[in-house]
Protein backbone atom coordinates (compact mmCIF):
# COMPACT_ATOMS: atom_id res chain seq x y z
CA UNK A 1 0.00 0.00 0.00
CA UNK A 2 2.80 2.39 0.87
CA UNK A 3 4.69 1.48 -2.31
CA UNK A 4 1.65 2.36 -4.51
CA UNK A 5 1.28 5.69 -2.76
CA UNK A 6 4.97 6.45 -3.32
CA UNK A 7 4.67 5.72 -7.03
CA UNK A 8 1.57 7.92 -7.26
CA UNK A 9 3.40 10.84 -5.57
CA UNK A 10 6.39 10.41 -7.83
CA UNK A 11 4.13 10.55 -10.89
CA UNK A 12 2.61 13.79 -9.73
CA UNK A 13 6.03 15.31 -9.20
CA UNK A 14 7.13 14.23 -12.66
CA UNK A 15 4.06 15.75 -14.31
CA UNK A 16 4.54 19.04 -12.42
CA UNK A 17 8.20 19.22 -13.44
CA UNK A 18 7.30 18.57 -17.08
CA UNK A 19 4.64 21.32 -17.07
CA UNK A 20 7.10 23.77 -15.51
CA UNK A 21 9.68 23.01 -18.19
CA UNK A 22 7.09 23.66 -20.91
CA UNK A 23 6.21 27.07 -19.42
CA UNK A 24 9.87 28.09 -19.28
CA UNK A 25 10.35 26.99 -22.88
CA UNK A 26 7.34 28.98 -24.08
CA UNK A 27 8.61 32.18 -22.38
CA UNK A 28 12.02 31.62 -23.90
CA UNK A 29 10.53 31.44 -27.42
CA UNK A 30 8.51 34.59 -26.81
CA UNK A 31 11.63 36.45 -25.69
CA UNK A 32 13.55 35.43 -28.82
CA UNK A 33 10.85 36.60 -31.19
CA UNK A 34 10.46 40.03 -29.47
CA UNK A 35 6.74 39.48 -28.86
CA UNK A 36 5.43 40.31 -25.43
CA UNK A 37 3.49 37.55 -23.62
CA UNK A 38 0.34 39.62 -24.10
CA UNK A 39 0.34 39.05 -27.87
CA UNK A 40 1.67 40.92 -30.92
CA UNK A 41 1.11 44.69 -31.44
CA UNK A 42 -1.11 45.49 -34.41
CA UNK A 43 0.76 46.85 -37.43
CA UNK A 44 0.77 50.64 -37.70
CA UNK A 45 -0.39 51.27 -34.14
CA UNK A 46 1.51 53.58 -31.84
CA UNK A 47 3.24 52.22 -28.76
CA UNK A 48 1.54 52.84 -25.45
CA UNK A 49 2.32 56.20 -23.91
CA UNK A 50 4.71 56.24 -21.00
CA UNK A 51 3.58 59.65 -19.82
CA UNK A 52 6.99 61.17 -20.57
CA UNK A 53 7.32 64.33 -22.77
CA UNK A 54 7.32 63.50 -26.46
CA UNK A 55 10.39 64.40 -28.50
CA UNK A 56 10.06 66.70 -31.50
CA UNK A 57 9.98 65.40 -35.08
CA UNK A 58 13.68 66.17 -35.42
CA UNK A 59 14.55 63.96 -32.46
CA UNK A 60 15.30 66.85 -30.12
CA UNK A 61 13.72 67.62 -26.77
CA UNK A 62 10.13 68.92 -26.56
CA UNK A 63 9.74 72.57 -27.55
CA UNK A 64 9.27 74.91 -24.60
CA UNK A 65 7.37 78.18 -24.64
CA UNK A 66 9.65 81.19 -25.06
CA UNK A 67 10.35 83.07 -21.82
CA UNK A 68 9.02 86.63 -21.88
CA UNK A 69 11.87 89.14 -21.42
CA UNK A 70 11.30 92.20 -19.21
CA UNK A 71 11.40 94.53 -22.21
CA UNK A 72 8.25 92.86 -23.59
CA UNK A 73 6.30 92.82 -20.34
CA UNK A 74 3.83 95.57 -21.22
CA UNK A 75 0.28 95.86 -22.42
CA UNK A 76 -1.83 98.52 -24.08
CA UNK A 77 -4.80 99.24 -26.30
CA UNK A 78 -4.63 99.63 -30.06
CA UNK A 79 -6.18 102.55 -31.88
CA UNK A 80 -8.84 100.08 -32.99
CA UNK A 81 -9.76 99.40 -29.36
CA UNK A 82 -8.25 95.91 -29.09
CA UNK A 83 -6.21 94.73 -26.10
CA UNK A 84 -2.50 94.41 -26.83
CA UNK A 85 0.05 92.28 -24.98
CA UNK A 86 3.69 92.45 -26.09
CA UNK A 87 4.38 89.06 -24.49
CA UNK A 88 3.02 87.48 -27.68
CA UNK A 89 6.31 88.42 -29.39
CA UNK A 90 8.57 86.59 -26.96
CA UNK A 91 11.21 84.59 -28.81
CA UNK A 92 11.18 86.68 -31.96
CA UNK A 93 12.62 90.07 -32.94
CA UNK A 94 10.23 93.03 -32.84
CA UNK A 95 10.36 96.67 -33.95
CA UNK A 96 8.62 99.41 -31.94
CA UNK A 97 7.97 102.58 -33.91
CA UNK A 98 7.26 105.69 -31.82
CA UNK A 99 5.45 108.28 -33.92
CA UNK A 100 3.21 111.33 -33.65
CA UNK A 101 0.35 112.16 -36.03
CA UNK A 102 1.59 115.68 -36.87
CA UNK A 103 5.22 114.62 -37.49
CA UNK A 104 6.40 115.08 -41.10
CA UNK A 105 9.31 112.66 -40.61
CA UNK A 106 6.91 110.05 -39.27
CA UNK A 107 4.77 110.53 -42.37
CA UNK A 108 7.73 109.83 -44.65
CA UNK A 109 8.57 106.68 -42.68
CA UNK A 110 4.96 105.51 -42.64
CA UNK A 111 5.06 104.48 -46.30
CA UNK A 112 8.01 102.19 -45.66
CA UNK A 113 6.37 100.68 -42.58
CA UNK A 114 3.15 100.08 -44.52
CA UNK A 115 5.14 98.41 -47.31
CA UNK A 116 7.36 96.05 -45.32
CA UNK A 117 5.25 95.27 -42.24
CA UNK A 118 2.93 92.76 -43.97
CA UNK A 119 5.91 90.90 -45.43
CA UNK A 120 7.59 90.44 -42.05
CA UNK A 121 4.47 90.17 -39.89
CA UNK A 122 5.31 86.64 -38.71
CA UNK A 123 9.09 86.99 -38.45
CA UNK A 124 9.81 90.58 -37.38
CA UNK A 125 6.57 92.30 -36.27
CA UNK A 126 6.50 96.10 -36.45
CA UNK A 127 4.35 97.76 -33.80
CA UNK A 128 3.49 101.45 -33.87
CA UNK A 129 3.30 103.41 -30.62
CA UNK A 130 1.37 106.61 -31.28
CA UNK A 131 1.85 109.52 -28.88
CA UNK A 132 1.96 113.32 -28.57
CA UNK A 133 -1.42 113.74 -30.20
CA UNK A 134 -5.16 113.21 -30.10
CA UNK A 135 -6.76 109.84 -30.81
CA UNK A 136 -8.74 111.23 -33.74
CA UNK A 137 -5.60 112.55 -35.43
CA UNK A 138 -3.79 109.25 -34.77
CA UNK A 139 -6.56 107.25 -36.42
CA UNK A 140 -6.58 109.59 -39.42
CA UNK A 141 -2.82 109.12 -39.75
CA UNK A 142 -3.22 105.32 -39.76
CA UNK A 143 -5.93 105.54 -42.41
CA UNK A 144 -4.03 107.99 -44.64
CA UNK A 145 -0.86 105.90 -44.68
CA UNK A 146 -2.59 102.52 -44.83
CA UNK A 147 -1.18 101.25 -41.55
CA UNK A 148 -4.29 99.35 -40.52
CA UNK A 149 -2.59 96.01 -41.14
CA UNK A 150 -0.07 96.55 -38.33
CA UNK A 151 -0.71 96.97 -34.60
CA UNK A 152 -0.82 100.63 -33.59
CA UNK A 153 -0.91 101.26 -29.85
CA UNK A 154 -2.51 104.43 -28.52
CA UNK A 155 -0.14 106.05 -26.02
CA UNK A 156 -1.67 109.50 -25.56
CA UNK A 157 -0.51 109.58 -21.93
CA UNK A 158 3.05 108.72 -22.92
CA UNK A 159 3.28 105.64 -20.70
CA UNK A 160 5.26 103.56 -23.19
CA UNK A 161 7.27 106.56 -24.38
CA UNK A 162 8.47 107.04 -20.80
CA UNK A 163 9.09 103.32 -20.32
CA UNK A 164 11.44 103.27 -23.32
CA UNK A 165 12.84 106.74 -22.55
CA UNK A 166 11.75 108.13 -25.91
CA UNK A 167 11.97 111.93 -25.88
CA UNK A 168 11.35 112.72 -29.53
CA UNK A 169 9.75 111.31 -32.66
CA UNK A 170 10.28 109.43 -34.90
CA UNK A 171 12.23 106.76 -33.06
CA UNK A 172 12.60 103.04 -33.73
CA UNK A 173 13.38 100.66 -30.87
CA UNK A 174 14.52 97.28 -32.21
CA UNK A 175 14.53 94.25 -29.89
CA UNK A 176 16.18 90.99 -30.93
CA UNK A 177 14.79 87.53 -30.25
CA UNK A 178 16.63 87.30 -26.90
CA UNK A 179 14.97 90.47 -25.62
CA UNK A 180 17.98 92.75 -26.07
CA UNK A 181 17.51 96.28 -27.45
CA UNK A 182 19.88 96.37 -30.45
CA UNK A 183 18.88 99.78 -31.85
CA UNK A 184 17.20 102.91 -30.54
CA UNK A 185 16.99 105.99 -32.69
CA UNK A 186 16.13 107.39 -36.10
CA UNK A 187 16.06 105.21 -39.22
CA UNK A 188 15.17 106.21 -42.75
CA UNK A 189 13.17 103.87 -44.93
CA UNK A 190 16.18 102.18 -46.51
CA UNK A 191 17.97 101.56 -43.21
CA UNK A 192 14.79 100.25 -41.57
CA UNK A 193 14.19 97.81 -44.44
CA UNK A 194 17.78 96.55 -44.23
CA UNK A 195 17.65 96.01 -40.45
CA UNK A 196 14.31 94.20 -40.56
CA UNK A 197 15.50 91.96 -43.40
CA UNK A 198 18.67 91.12 -41.47
CA UNK A 199 16.68 90.23 -38.34
CA UNK A 200 14.35 88.03 -40.36
CA UNK A 201 17.31 86.08 -41.72
CA UNK A 202 19.14 85.78 -38.39
């Protein structure tokens, strides 16, 4: 009786060992073929997300929003009544044009601004800052010189003129993409066009 029981126990142990060997073998085959035990991934499907930031298409790190430099931390209202926030230009060069509606020099520069501003709207925005005059005269100036396609901030109180220490018109303040003022002063049409083109290509 004891001998039969011993043989029965040995048979169970043998079957268990055989089953364990089969499981190990199956996992070994799966590892060699690169297929996870859960089954193959469907062709064309994306791998499961790990929750980590996704790299850019060029293989670099994820793009981060440009930090707003102090020089672009100001807001205002355009002559059209829209809210304006200079922070939108962070990470790109921008030209601030300080003009007055009665200024003959400003009028001569206005044609150049109206001509080149649309071309460089996305690369080197030009923003007018109108001061030293009445709102009505400023709006008439914008209409006469076809400047409606570029932002024109109303600065009748001179807030931005004081911020940038502008004491006369017409003055251009040029800020590069890092937030550094690289020019402050007068520019004729030819010089303005050259500087904007250079910034666009930088």
